[in-house]
Structure formats: C-alpha cells, structure tokens
Amino acid sequence: VQAITGSGWKNRTTSLSLVASPNPASLGNPILLTATVDGSSTTAPGGRVLFMIDGLVVGNPLGESVTPISGSDSRATLTVTGLAHGRHKVTATYLGNATYRGSTGAVVETVN
C-alpha cells in the first residue's frame, strides 16, 4: 500500500515534554499534568493531546485541546485527582495534525 499525500503533509516533527506537579504528591491532592508540544517550524502545533495513567485514558477520551503559547509551542493541561498510593506511569501523546507528526512524553508520578 502506498499513500499519496499533498506536499508538506505531516512532514514536520514535534517533541513533547510532560510535567506532573507536584511530584511527589500527597494522597488525595490534585495533580496538574502539563504537556508542552514543540513544533519544528514557526507555526504552533494544533490539535489534541491524549493523557493516560497506568495505560488508561484520563480526561477527554478524544484528547485535550492544545493552546498555542509561542510561535512554535502549544500546551495542553489536565488536573487529575484520586490517584492511589504508589508510582504511576503517566504518558501524554500529541495526536498530530495535517502539518505535524505526533509525539509522546512520559513521567512517573509518585503518590505518598
């Protein structure tokens, strides 16, 4: 199978950095997840970021919308509560759009 697309379609890369704050967190306290998507051109990436904790989708199952924060960066945030005591693998995946490829970042959140 060969896909033929228009010039420039998804030819730009992204990188995603994920921060969980606070980390470590106290049991019962909210945790703010912040995914920053850095685009490889002067246009900020648009679209959505899908957040997962321990392999399960949290927040909007279609992904949280990104908001431009600079010429080439966008950000999506999500506040989560109710995480159990222990360590949790948190991932955020930028789903890409017609211009940018997707990317993923991960962090381990500890709840004391």
PDB file of N, CA and C in Angstrom:
ATOM      1  N   VAL A   1       0.851  -1.179   0.000  1.00  0.00           N
ATOM      2  CA  VAL A   1       0.000   0.000   0.000  1.00  0.00           C
ATOM      3  C   VAL A   1       0.884   1.224   0.000  1.00  0.00           C
ATOM      4  N   GLN A   2       0.534   2.180  -0.823  1.00  0.00           N
ATOM      5  CA  GLN A   2       1.278   3.423  -0.875  1.00  0.00           C
ATOM      6  C   GLN A   2       0.295   4.567  -0.714  1.00  0.00           C
ATOM      7  N   ALA A   3       0.592   5.455   0.235  1.00  0.00           N
ATOM      8  CA  ALA A   3      -0.257   6.623   0.460  1.00  0.00           C
ATOM      9  C   ALA A   3       0.347   7.816  -0.259  1.00  0.00           C
ATOM     10  N   ILE A   4      -0.467   8.522  -0.996  1.00  0.00           N
ATOM     11  CA  ILE A   4      -0.037   9.726  -1.700  1.00  0.00           C
ATOM     12  C   ILE A   4      -0.705  10.902  -1.007  1.00  0.00           C
ATOM     13  N   THR A   5       0.123  11.826  -0.534  1.00  0.00           N
ATOM     14  CA  THR A   5      -0.419  12.987   0.174  1.00  0.00           C
ATOM     15  C   THR A   5       0.123  14.255  -0.456  1.00  0.00           C
ATOM     16  N   GLY A   6      -0.495  15.353  -0.121  1.00  0.00           N
ATOM     17  CA  GLY A   6      -0.050  16.643  -0.618  1.00  0.00           C
ATOM     18  C   GLY A   6       1.312  16.997  -0.050  1.00  0.00           C
ATOM     19  N   SER A   7       2.004  17.911  -0.728  1.00  0.00           N
ATOM     20  CA  SER A   7       3.326  18.302  -0.247  1.00  0.00           C
ATOM     21  C   SER A   7       3.204  18.958   1.118  1.00  0.00           C
ATOM     22  N   GLY A   8       4.119  18.627   2.004  1.00  0.00           N
ATOM     23  CA  GLY A   8       4.124  19.211   3.339  1.00  0.00           C
ATOM     24  C   GLY A   8       3.251  18.508   4.343  1.00  0.00           C
ATOM     25  N   TRP A   9       2.498  17.517   3.927  1.00  0.00           N
ATOM     26  CA  TRP A   9       1.590  16.846   4.840  1.00  0.00           C
ATOM     27  C   TRP A   9       2.367  16.085   5.890  1.00  0.00           C
ATOM     28  N   LYS A  10       2.183  16.426   7.131  1.00  0.00           N
ATOM     29  CA  LYS A  10       2.815  15.771   8.280  1.00  0.00           C
ATOM     30  C   LYS A  10       4.318  15.590   8.092  1.00  0.00           C
ATOM     31  N   ASN A  11       4.946  16.543   7.475  1.00  0.00           N
ATOM     32  CA  ASN A  11       6.381  16.399   7.280  1.00  0.00           C
ATOM     33  C   ASN A  11       7.181  17.093   8.379  1.00  0.00           C
ATOM     34  N   ARG A  12       6.514  17.693   9.310  1.00  0.00           N
ATOM     35  CA  ARG A  12       7.210  18.392  10.387  1.00  0.00           C
ATOM     36  C   ARG A  12       7.131  17.576  11.672  1.00  0.00           C
ATOM     37  N   THR A  13       8.238  17.518  12.373  1.00  0.00           N
ATOM     38  CA  THR A  13       8.295  16.740  13.608  1.00  0.00           C
ATOM     39  C   THR A  13       7.917  17.591  14.813  1.00  0.00           C
ATOM     40  N   THR A  14       7.561  16.904  15.893  1.00  0.00           N
ATOM     41  CA  THR A  14       7.291  17.550  17.165  1.00  0.00           C
ATOM     42  C   THR A  14       8.038  16.791  18.256  1.00  0.00           C
ATOM     43  N   SER A  15       8.197  17.445  19.373  1.00  0.00           N
ATOM     44  CA  SER A  15       8.651  16.762  20.583  1.00  0.00           C
ATOM     45  C   SER A  15       7.704  17.183  21.698  1.00  0.00           C
ATOM     46  N   LEU A  16       7.497  16.285  22.640  1.00  0.00           N
ATOM     47  CA  LEU A  16       6.551  16.546  23.715  1.00  0.00           C
ATOM     48  C   LEU A  16       7.257  16.382  25.052  1.00  0.00           C
ATOM     49  N   SER A  17       7.122  17.375  25.913  1.00  0.00           N
ATOM     50  CA  SER A  17       7.629  17.253  27.278  1.00  0.00           C
ATOM     51  C   SER A  17       6.435  17.243  28.221  1.00  0.00           C
ATOM     52  N   LEU A  18       6.488  16.372  29.208  1.00  0.00           N
ATOM     53  CA  LEU A  18       5.388  16.192  30.151  1.00  0.00           C
ATOM     54  C   LEU A  18       5.889  16.446  31.562  1.00  0.00           C
ATOM     55  N   VAL A  19       5.130  17.258  32.298  1.00  0.00           N
ATOM     56  CA  VAL A  19       5.454  17.556  33.694  1.00  0.00           C
ATOM     57  C   VAL A  19       4.227  17.264  34.534  1.00  0.00           C
ATOM     58  N   ALA A  20       4.435  16.581  35.674  1.00  0.00           N
ATOM     59  CA  ALA A  20       3.370  16.350  36.657  1.00  0.00           C
ATOM     60  C   ALA A  20       3.740  17.134  37.905  1.00  0.00           C
ATOM     61  N   SER A  21       2.806  17.940  38.401  1.00  0.00           N
ATOM     62  CA  SER A  21       3.105  18.805  39.544  1.00  0.00           C
ATOM     63  C   SER A  21       1.954  18.793  40.541  1.00  0.00           C
ATOM     64  N   PRO A  22       2.244  18.566  41.816  1.00  0.00           N
ATOM     65  CA  PRO A  22       3.559  18.279  42.375  1.00  0.00           C
ATOM     66  C   PRO A  22       3.951  16.824  42.145  1.00  0.00           C
ATOM     67  N   ASN A  23       5.232  16.579  42.231  1.00  0.00           N
ATOM     68  CA  ASN A  23       5.739  15.208  42.116  1.00  0.00           C
ATOM     69  C   ASN A  23       6.947  15.077  43.031  1.00  0.00           C
ATOM     70  N   PRO A  24       6.810  14.395  44.145  1.00  0.00           N
ATOM     71  CA  PRO A  24       5.690  13.539  44.546  1.00  0.00           C
ATOM     72  C   PRO A  24       4.504  14.351  45.055  1.00  0.00           C
ATOM     73  N   ALA A  25       3.347  13.697  45.035  1.00  0.00           N
ATOM     74  CA  ALA A  25       2.107  14.312  45.513  1.00  0.00           C
ATOM     75  C   ALA A  25       1.648  13.594  46.779  1.00  0.00           C
ATOM     76  N   SER A  26       0.857  14.299  47.558  1.00  0.00           N
ATOM     77  CA  SER A  26       0.254  13.689  48.738  1.00  0.00           C
ATOM     78  C   SER A  26      -1.052  13.021  48.349  1.00  0.00           C
ATOM     79  N   LEU A  27      -1.338  11.915  48.993  1.00  0.00           N
ATOM     80  CA  LEU A  27      -2.561  11.165  48.717  1.00  0.00           C
ATOM     81  C   LEU A  27      -3.780  12.081  48.836  1.00  0.00           C
ATOM     82  N   GLY A  28      -4.637  12.076  47.807  1.00  0.00           N
ATOM     83  CA  GLY A  28      -5.861  12.870  47.810  1.00  0.00           C
ATOM     84  C   GLY A  28      -5.732  14.250  47.198  1.00  0.00           C
ATOM     85  N   ASN A  29      -4.516  14.720  46.976  1.00  0.00           N
ATOM     86  CA  ASN A  29      -4.328  16.050  46.403  1.00  0.00           C
ATOM     87  C   ASN A  29      -4.377  16.003  44.880  1.00  0.00           C
ATOM     88  N   PRO A  30      -4.844  17.085  44.245  1.00  0.00           N
ATOM     89  CA  PRO A  30      -4.876  17.127  42.773  1.00  0.00           C
ATOM     90  C   PRO A  30      -3.465  17.213  42.193  1.00  0.00           C
ATOM     91  N   ILE A  31      -3.322  16.691  40.983  1.00  0.00           N
ATOM     92  CA  ILE A  31      -2.053  16.714  40.265  1.00  0.00           C
ATOM     93  C   ILE A  31      -2.301  17.367  38.912  1.00  0.00           C
ATOM     94  N   LEU A  32      -1.483  18.357  38.580  1.00  0.00           N
ATOM     95  CA  LEU A  32      -1.599  19.049  37.297  1.00  0.00           C
ATOM     96  C   LEU A  32      -0.632  18.421  36.305  1.00  0.00           C
ATOM     97  N   LEU A  33      -1.179  17.911  35.198  1.00  0.00           N
ATOM     98  CA  LEU A  33      -0.367  17.381  34.109  1.00  0.00           C
ATOM     99  C   LEU A  33      -0.266  18.445  33.029  1.00  0.00           C
ATOM    100  N   THR A  34       0.960  18.747  32.616  1.00  0.00           N
ATOM    101  CA  THR A  34       1.196  19.770  31.599  1.00  0.00           C
ATOM    102  C   THR A  34       2.025  19.170  30.476  1.00  0.00           C
ATOM    103  N   ALA A  35       1.460  19.125  29.279  1.00  0.00           N
ATOM    104  CA  ALA A  35       2.157  18.626  28.100  1.00  0.00           C
ATOM    105  C   ALA A  35       2.464  19.808  27.196  1.00  0.00           C
ATOM    106  N   THR A  36       3.739  20.001  26.902  1.00  0.00           N
ATOM    107  CA  THR A  36       4.158  21.064  26.006  1.00  0.00           C
ATOM    108  C   THR A  36       4.647  20.436  24.711  1.00  0.00           C
ATOM    109  N   VAL A  37       4.029  20.836  23.604  1.00  0.00           N
ATOM    110  CA  VAL A  37       4.363  20.303  22.289  1.00  0.00           C
ATOM    111  C   VAL A  37       5.188  21.354  21.557  1.00  0.00           C
ATOM    112  N   ASP A  38       6.408  20.979  21.188  1.00  0.00           N
ATOM    113  CA  ASP A  38       7.313  21.875  20.478  1.00  0.00           C
ATOM    114  C   ASP A  38       7.320  21.492  19.005  1.00  0.00           C
ATOM    115  N   GLY A  39       6.877  22.417  18.153  1.00  0.00           N
ATOM    116  CA  GLY A  39       6.858  22.178  16.717  1.00  0.00           C
ATOM    117  C   GLY A  39       8.180  22.548  16.078  1.00  0.00           C
ATOM    118  N   SER A  40       8.450  21.969  14.919  1.00  0.00           N
ATOM    119  CA  SER A  40       9.732  22.193  14.242  1.00  0.00           C
ATOM    120  C   SER A  40       9.689  23.333  13.224  1.00  0.00           C
ATOM    121  N   SER A  41       8.624  24.124  13.240  1.00  0.00           N
ATOM    122  CA  SER A  41       8.570  25.291  12.357  1.00  0.00           C
ATOM    123  C   SER A  41       8.056  26.477  13.163  1.00  0.00           C
ATOM    124  N   THR A  42       7.776  27.563  12.519  1.00  0.00           N
ATOM    125  CA  THR A  42       7.337  28.768  13.220  1.00  0.00           C
ATOM    126  C   THR A  42       5.839  28.780  13.491  1.00  0.00           C
ATOM    127  N   THR A  43       5.143  27.712  13.139  1.00  0.00           N
ATOM    128  CA  THR A  43       3.712  27.599  13.391  1.00  0.00           C
ATOM    129  C   THR A  43       3.483  26.672  14.578  1.00  0.00           C
ATOM    130  N   ALA A  44       2.702  27.140  15.543  1.00  0.00           N
ATOM    131  CA  ALA A  44       2.418  26.320  16.715  1.00  0.00           C
ATOM    132  C   ALA A  44       1.541  25.126  16.331  1.00  0.00           C
ATOM    133  N   PRO A  45       1.841  23.940  16.870  1.00  0.00           N
ATOM    134  CA  PRO A  45       1.009  22.767  16.581  1.00  0.00           C
ATOM    135  C   PRO A  45      -0.423  22.956  17.083  1.00  0.00           C
ATOM    136  N   GLY A  46      -1.374  22.481  16.320  1.00  0.00           N
ATOM    137  CA  GLY A  46      -2.769  22.472  16.737  1.00  0.00           C
ATOM    138  C   GLY A  46      -3.202  21.034  16.942  1.00  0.00           C
ATOM    139  N   GLY A  47      -4.363  20.856  17.527  1.00  0.00           N
ATOM    140  CA  GLY A  47      -4.878  19.502  17.700  1.00  0.00           C
ATOM    141  C   GLY A  47      -5.098  19.140  19.151  1.00  0.00           C
ATOM    142  N   ARG A  48      -4.797  17.874  19.501  1.00  0.00           N
ATOM    143  CA  ARG A  48      -5.131  17.351  20.819  1.00  0.00           C
ATOM    144  C   ARG A  48      -4.005  16.493  21.387  1.00  0.00           C
ATOM    145  N   VAL A  49      -4.004  16.412  22.719  1.00  0.00           N
ATOM    146  CA  VAL A  49      -3.084  15.560  23.466  1.00  0.00           C
ATOM    147  C   VAL A  49      -3.908  14.576  24.276  1.00  0.00           C
ATOM    148  N   LEU A  50      -3.567  13.291  24.167  1.00  0.00           N
ATOM    149  CA  LEU A  50      -4.239  12.232  24.913  1.00  0.00           C
ATOM    150  C   LEU A  50      -3.397  11.891  26.133  1.00  0.00           C
ATOM    151  N   PHE A  51      -3.994  12.006  27.327  1.00  0.00           N
ATOM    152  CA  PHE A  51      -3.312  11.683  28.579  1.00  0.00           C
ATOM    153  C   PHE A  51      -3.720  10.290  29.046  1.00  0.00           C
ATOM    154  N   MET A  52      -2.737   9.532  29.539  1.00  0.00           N
ATOM    155  CA  MET A  52      -3.002   8.196  30.069  1.00  0.00           C
ATOM    156  C   MET A  52      -2.232   8.013  31.386  1.00  0.00           C
ATOM    157  N   ILE A  53      -2.866   7.306  32.308  1.00  0.00           N
ATOM    158  CA  ILE A  53      -2.210   6.938  33.561  1.00  0.00           C
ATOM    159  C   ILE A  53      -2.331   5.431  33.714  1.00  0.00           C
ATOM    160  N   ASP A  54      -1.186   4.791  33.870  1.00  0.00           N
ATOM    161  CA  ASP A  54      -1.124   3.333  34.006  1.00  0.00           C
ATOM    162  C   ASP A  54      -1.863   2.632  32.868  1.00  0.00           C
ATOM    163  N   GLY A  55      -1.762   3.196  31.657  1.00  0.00           N
ATOM    164  CA  GLY A  55      -2.354   2.581  30.481  1.00  0.00           C
ATOM    165  C   GLY A  55      -3.822   2.871  30.243  1.00  0.00           C
ATOM    166  N   LEU A  56      -4.446   3.687  31.104  1.00  0.00           N
ATOM    167  CA  LEU A  56      -5.859   4.033  30.947  1.00  0.00           C
ATOM    168  C   LEU A  56      -6.001   5.517  30.605  1.00  0.00           C
ATOM    169  N   VAL A  57      -6.871   5.827  29.657  1.00  0.00           N
ATOM    170  CA  VAL A  57      -7.106   7.214  29.255  1.00  0.00           C
ATOM    171  C   VAL A  57      -7.758   7.970  30.406  1.00  0.00           C
ATOM    172  N   VAL A  58      -7.252   9.165  30.671  1.00  0.00           N
ATOM    173  CA  VAL A  58      -7.863  10.062  31.655  1.00  0.00           C
ATOM    174  C   VAL A  58      -8.230  11.351  30.939  1.00  0.00           C
ATOM    175  N   GLY A  59      -9.231  12.039  31.463  1.00  0.00           N
ATOM    176  CA  GLY A  59      -9.693  13.261  30.807  1.00  0.00           C
ATOM    177  C   GLY A  59     -10.559  12.924  29.612  1.00  0.00           C
ATOM    178  N   ASN A  60     -10.547  13.797  28.640  1.00  0.00           N
ATOM    179  CA  ASN A  60     -11.350  13.639  27.433  1.00  0.00           C
ATOM    180  C   ASN A  60     -10.820  12.457  26.616  1.00  0.00           C
ATOM    181  N   PRO A  61     -11.664  11.474  26.314  1.00  0.00           N
ATOM    182  CA  PRO A  61     -11.184  10.318  25.536  1.00  0.00           C
ATOM    183  C   PRO A  61     -10.760  10.676  24.114  1.00  0.00           C
ATOM    184  N   LEU A  62     -11.130  11.862  23.630  1.00  0.00           N
ATOM    185  CA  LEU A  62     -10.684  12.336  22.319  1.00  0.00           C
ATOM    186  C   LEU A  62      -9.401  13.141  22.419  1.00  0.00           C
ATOM    187  N   GLY A  63      -8.964  13.412  23.637  1.00  0.00           N
ATOM    188  CA  GLY A  63      -7.773  14.214  23.873  1.00  0.00           C
ATOM    189  C   GLY A  63      -8.127  15.627  24.296  1.00  0.00           C
ATOM    190  N   GLU A  64      -7.204  16.237  25.010  1.00  0.00           N
ATOM    191  CA  GLU A  64      -7.367  17.625  25.465  1.00  0.00           C
ATOM    192  C   GLU A  64      -6.830  18.553  24.377  1.00  0.00           C
ATOM    193  N   SER A  65      -7.546  19.626  24.109  1.00  0.00           N
ATOM    194  CA  SER A  65      -7.117  20.590  23.081  1.00  0.00           C
ATOM    195  C   SER A  65      -5.831  21.288  23.502  1.00  0.00           C
ATOM    196  N   VAL A  66      -4.972  21.549  22.512  1.00  0.00           N
ATOM    197  CA  VAL A  66      -3.763  22.313  22.782  1.00  0.00           C
ATOM    198  C   VAL A  66      -4.036  23.789  22.531  1.00  0.00           C
ATOM    199  N   THR A  67      -3.310  24.625  23.260  1.00  0.00           N
ATOM    200  CA  THR A  67      -3.399  26.072  23.132  1.00  0.00           C
ATOM    201  C   THR A  67      -2.021  26.607  22.783  1.00  0.00           C
ATOM    202  N   PRO A  68      -1.894  27.421  21.731  1.00  0.00           N
ATOM    203  CA  PRO A  68      -0.580  27.990  21.399  1.00  0.00           C
ATOM    204  C   PRO A  68      -0.059  28.854  22.539  1.00  0.00           C
ATOM    205  N   ILE A  69       1.238  28.718  22.840  1.00  0.00           N
ATOM    206  CA  ILE A  69       1.855  29.539  23.895  1.00  0.00           C
ATOM    207  C   ILE A  69       3.015  30.367  23.353  1.00  0.00           C
ATOM    208  N   SER A  70       3.483  30.046  22.144  1.00  0.00           N
ATOM    209  CA  SER A  70       4.522  30.837  21.490  1.00  0.00           C
ATOM    210  C   SER A  70       4.463  30.527  20.002  1.00  0.00           C
ATOM    211  N   GLY A  71       5.424  31.031  19.249  1.00  0.00           N
ATOM    212  CA  GLY A  71       5.419  30.821  17.811  1.00  0.00           C
ATOM    213  C   GLY A  71       5.452  29.374  17.382  1.00  0.00           C
ATOM    214  N   SER A  72       6.128  28.510  18.156  1.00  0.00           N
ATOM    215  CA  SER A  72       6.250  27.115  17.736  1.00  0.00           C
ATOM    216  C   SER A  72       5.836  26.122  18.821  1.00  0.00           C
ATOM    217  N   ASP A  73       5.282  26.591  19.933  1.00  0.00           N
ATOM    218  CA  ASP A  73       4.900  25.718  21.042  1.00  0.00           C
ATOM    219  C   ASP A  73       3.420  25.819  21.370  1.00  0.00           C
ATOM    220  N   SER A  74       2.861  24.678  21.781  1.00  0.00           N
ATOM    221  CA  SER A  74       1.480  24.629  22.260  1.00  0.00           C
ATOM    222  C   SER A  74       1.465  23.827  23.547  1.00  0.00           C
ATOM    223  N   ARG A  75       0.380  23.968  24.317  1.00  0.00           N
ATOM    224  CA  ARG A  75       0.301  23.301  25.608  1.00  0.00           C
ATOM    225  C   ARG A  75      -1.103  22.777  25.855  1.00  0.00           C
ATOM    226  N   ALA A  76      -1.161  21.611  26.505  1.00  0.00           N
ATOM    227  CA  ALA A  76      -2.418  21.041  26.982  1.00  0.00           C
ATOM    228  C   ALA A  76      -2.228  20.690  28.454  1.00  0.00           C
ATOM    229  N   THR A  77      -3.264  20.924  29.252  1.00  0.00           N
ATOM    230  CA  THR A  77      -3.180  20.613  30.674  1.00  0.00           C
ATOM    231  C   THR A  77      -4.387  19.781  31.099  1.00  0.00           C
ATOM    232  N   LEU A  78      -4.188  19.057  32.179  1.00  0.00           N
ATOM    233  CA  LEU A  78      -5.264  18.262  32.764  1.00  0.00           C
ATOM    234  C   LEU A  78      -4.977  18.102  34.245  1.00  0.00           C
ATOM    235  N   THR A  79      -5.986  18.339  35.075  1.00  0.00           N
ATOM    236  CA  THR A  79      -5.856  18.112  36.512  1.00  0.00           C
ATOM    237  C   THR A  79      -6.523  16.788  36.851  1.00  0.00           C
ATOM    238  N   VAL A  80      -5.800  15.920  37.563  1.00  0.00           N
ATOM    239  CA  VAL A  80      -6.332  14.619  37.957  1.00  0.00           C
ATOM    240  C   VAL A  80      -6.343  14.519  39.480  1.00  0.00           C
ATOM    241  N   THR A  81      -7.316  13.786  39.975  1.00  0.00           N
ATOM    242  CA  THR A  81      -7.424  13.545  41.410  1.00  0.00           C
ATOM    243  C   THR A  81      -7.684  12.060  41.631  1.00  0.00           C
ATOM    244  N   GLY A  82      -7.506  11.630  42.843  1.00  0.00           N
ATOM    245  CA  GLY A  82      -7.882  10.267  43.205  1.00  0.00           C
ATOM    246  C   GLY A  82      -6.861   9.198  42.879  1.00  0.00           C
ATOM    247  N   LEU A  83      -5.615   9.577  42.606  1.00  0.00           N
ATOM    248  CA  LEU A  83      -4.611   8.548  42.344  1.00  0.00           C
ATOM    249  C   LEU A  83      -4.279   7.812  43.639  1.00  0.00           C
ATOM    250  N   ALA A  84      -4.135   6.514  43.532  1.00  0.00           N
ATOM    251  CA  ALA A  84      -3.815   5.680  44.687  1.00  0.00           C
ATOM    252  C   ALA A  84      -2.351   5.864  45.088  1.00  0.00           C
ATOM    253  N   HIS A  85      -2.038   5.448  46.300  1.00  0.00           N
ATOM    254  CA  HIS A  85      -0.681   5.483  46.813  1.00  0.00           C
ATOM    255  C   HIS A  85       0.230   4.646  45.902  1.00  0.00           C
ATOM    256  N   GLY A  86       1.422   5.131  45.621  1.00  0.00           N
ATOM    257  CA  GLY A  86       2.382   4.377  44.825  1.00  0.00           C
ATOM    258  C   GLY A  86       2.893   5.156  43.637  1.00  0.00           C
ATOM    259  N   ARG A  87       3.490   4.415  42.705  1.00  0.00           N
ATOM    260  CA  ARG A  87       4.066   5.012  41.498  1.00  0.00           C
ATOM    261  C   ARG A  87       3.132   4.763  40.316  1.00  0.00           C
ATOM    262  N   HIS A  88       2.976   5.777  39.478  1.00  0.00           N
ATOM    263  CA  HIS A  88       2.074   5.696  38.333  1.00  0.00           C
ATOM    264  C   HIS A  88       2.792   6.188  37.083  1.00  0.00           C
ATOM    265  N   LYS A  89       2.697   5.408  35.987  1.00  0.00           N
ATOM    266  CA  LYS A  89       3.268   5.833  34.709  1.00  0.00           C
ATOM    267  C   LYS A  89       2.257   6.732  34.008  1.00  0.00           C
ATOM    268  N   VAL A  90       2.669   7.955  33.747  1.00  0.00           N
ATOM    269  CA  VAL A  90       1.817   8.943  33.085  1.00  0.00           C
ATOM    270  C   VAL A  90       2.405   9.203  31.706  1.00  0.00           C
ATOM    271  N   THR A  91       1.567   9.119  30.669  1.00  0.00           N
ATOM    272  CA  THR A  91       2.014   9.433  29.320  1.00  0.00           C
ATOM    273  C   THR A  91       1.084  10.478  28.706  1.00  0.00           C
ATOM    274  N   ALA A  92       1.654  11.252  27.815  1.00  0.00           N
ATOM    275  CA  ALA A  92       0.882  12.209  27.027  1.00  0.00           C
ATOM    276  C   ALA A  92       1.308  12.023  25.579  1.00  0.00           C
ATOM    277  N   THR A  93       0.333  11.925  24.692  1.00  0.00           N
ATOM    278  CA  THR A  93       0.618  11.726  23.278  1.00  0.00           C
ATOM    279  C   THR A  93      -0.044  12.817  22.460  1.00  0.00           C
ATOM    280  N   TYR A  94       0.785  13.589  21.768  1.00  0.00           N
ATOM    281  CA  TYR A  94       0.259  14.566  20.819  1.00  0.00           C
ATOM    282  C   TYR A  94      -0.184  13.779  19.599  1.00  0.00           C
ATOM    283  N   LEU A  95      -1.431  13.947  19.183  1.00  0.00           N
ATOM    284  CA  LEU A  95      -2.011  13.130  18.135  1.00  0.00           C
ATOM    285  C   LEU A  95      -1.681  13.608  16.722  1.00  0.00           C
ATOM    286  N   GLY A  96      -0.998  14.736  16.607  1.00  0.00           N
ATOM    287  CA  GLY A  96      -0.619  15.247  15.303  1.00  0.00           C
ATOM    288  C   GLY A  96      -1.776  15.956  14.607  1.00  0.00           C
ATOM    289  N   ASN A  97      -1.464  16.553  13.478  1.00  0.00           N
ATOM    290  CA  ASN A  97      -2.488  17.181  12.635  1.00  0.00           C
ATOM    291  C   ASN A  97      -2.000  17.126  11.187  1.00  0.00           C
ATOM    292  N   ALA A  98      -2.601  17.880  10.313  1.00  0.00           N
ATOM    293  CA  ALA A  98      -2.240  17.814   8.893  1.00  0.00           C
ATOM    294  C   ALA A  98      -0.819  18.288   8.624  1.00  0.00           C
ATOM    295  N   THR A  99      -0.238  19.040   9.549  1.00  0.00           N
ATOM    296  CA  THR A  99       1.111  19.575   9.364  1.00  0.00           C
ATOM    297  C   THR A  99       2.159  18.823  10.174  1.00  0.00           C
ATOM    298  N   TYR A 100       1.806  18.449  11.398  1.00  0.00           N
ATOM    299  CA  TYR A 100       2.779  17.888  12.336  1.00  0.00           C
ATOM    300  C   TYR A 100       2.537  16.412  12.635  1.00  0.00           C
ATOM    301  N   ARG A 101       3.639  15.690  12.792  1.00  0.00           N
ATOM    302  CA  ARG A 101       3.577  14.307  13.271  1.00  0.00           C
ATOM    303  C   ARG A 101       3.345  14.308  14.776  1.00  0.00           C
ATOM    304  N   GLY A 102       2.811  13.210  15.268  1.00  0.00           N
ATOM    305  CA  GLY A 102       2.594  13.066  16.704  1.00  0.00           C
ATOM    306  C   GLY A 102       3.888  12.782  17.448  1.00  0.00           C
ATOM    307  N   SER A 103       3.820  12.898  18.775  1.00  0.00           N
ATOM    308  CA  SER A 103       4.957  12.584  19.641  1.00  0.00           C
ATOM    309  C   SER A 103       4.427  12.237  21.024  1.00  0.00           C
ATOM    310  N   THR A 104       5.275  11.602  21.824  1.00  0.00           N
ATOM    311  CA  THR A 104       4.859  11.134  23.146  1.00  0.00           C
ATOM    312  C   THR A 104       5.911  11.491  24.189  1.00  0.00           C
ATOM    313  N   GLY A 105       5.435  11.788  25.392  1.00  0.00           N
ATOM    314  CA  GLY A 105       6.308  12.011  26.534  1.00  0.00           C
ATOM    315  C   GLY A 105       5.765  11.226  27.716  1.00  0.00           C
ATOM    316  N   ALA A 106       6.630  10.936  28.678  1.00  0.00           N
ATOM    317  CA  ALA A 106       6.209  10.151  29.845  1.00  0.00           C
ATOM    318  C   ALA A 106       6.924  10.654  31.097  1.00  0.00           C
ATOM    319  N   VAL A 107       6.285  10.384  32.221  1.00  0.00           N
ATOM    320  CA  VAL A 107       6.836  10.707  33.527  1.00  0.00           C
ATOM    321  C   VAL A 107       6.265   9.701  34.528  1.00  0.00           C
ATOM    322  N   VAL A 108       6.986   9.482  35.617  1.00  0.00           N
ATOM    323  CA  VAL A 108       6.460   8.633  36.696  1.00  0.00           C
ATOM    324  C   VAL A 108       6.026   9.558  37.824  1.00  0.00           C
ATOM    325  N   GLU A 109       4.768   9.446  38.210  1.00  0.00           N
ATOM    326  CA  GLU A 109       4.200  10.245  39.311  1.00  0.00           C
ATOM    327  C   GLU A 109       4.173   9.364  40.559  1.00  0.00           C
ATOM    328  N   THR A 110       4.694   9.894  41.651  1.00  0.00           N
ATOM    329  CA  THR A 110       4.679   9.185  42.922  1.00  0.00           C
ATOM    330  C   THR A 110       3.659   9.831  43.840  1.00  0.00           C
ATOM    331  N   VAL A 111       2.804   9.012  44.441  1.00  0.00           N
ATOM    332  CA  VAL A 111       1.808   9.492  45.393  1.00  0.00           C
ATOM    333  C   VAL A 111       2.158   8.897  46.751  1.00  0.00           C
ATOM    334  N   ASN A 112       2.406   9.763  47.716  1.00  0.00           N
ATOM    335  CA  ASN A 112       2.749   9.330  49.079  1.00  0.00           C
ATOM    336  C   ASN A 112       1.531   9.347  49.984  1.00  0.00           C
TER     337      ASN A 112
END
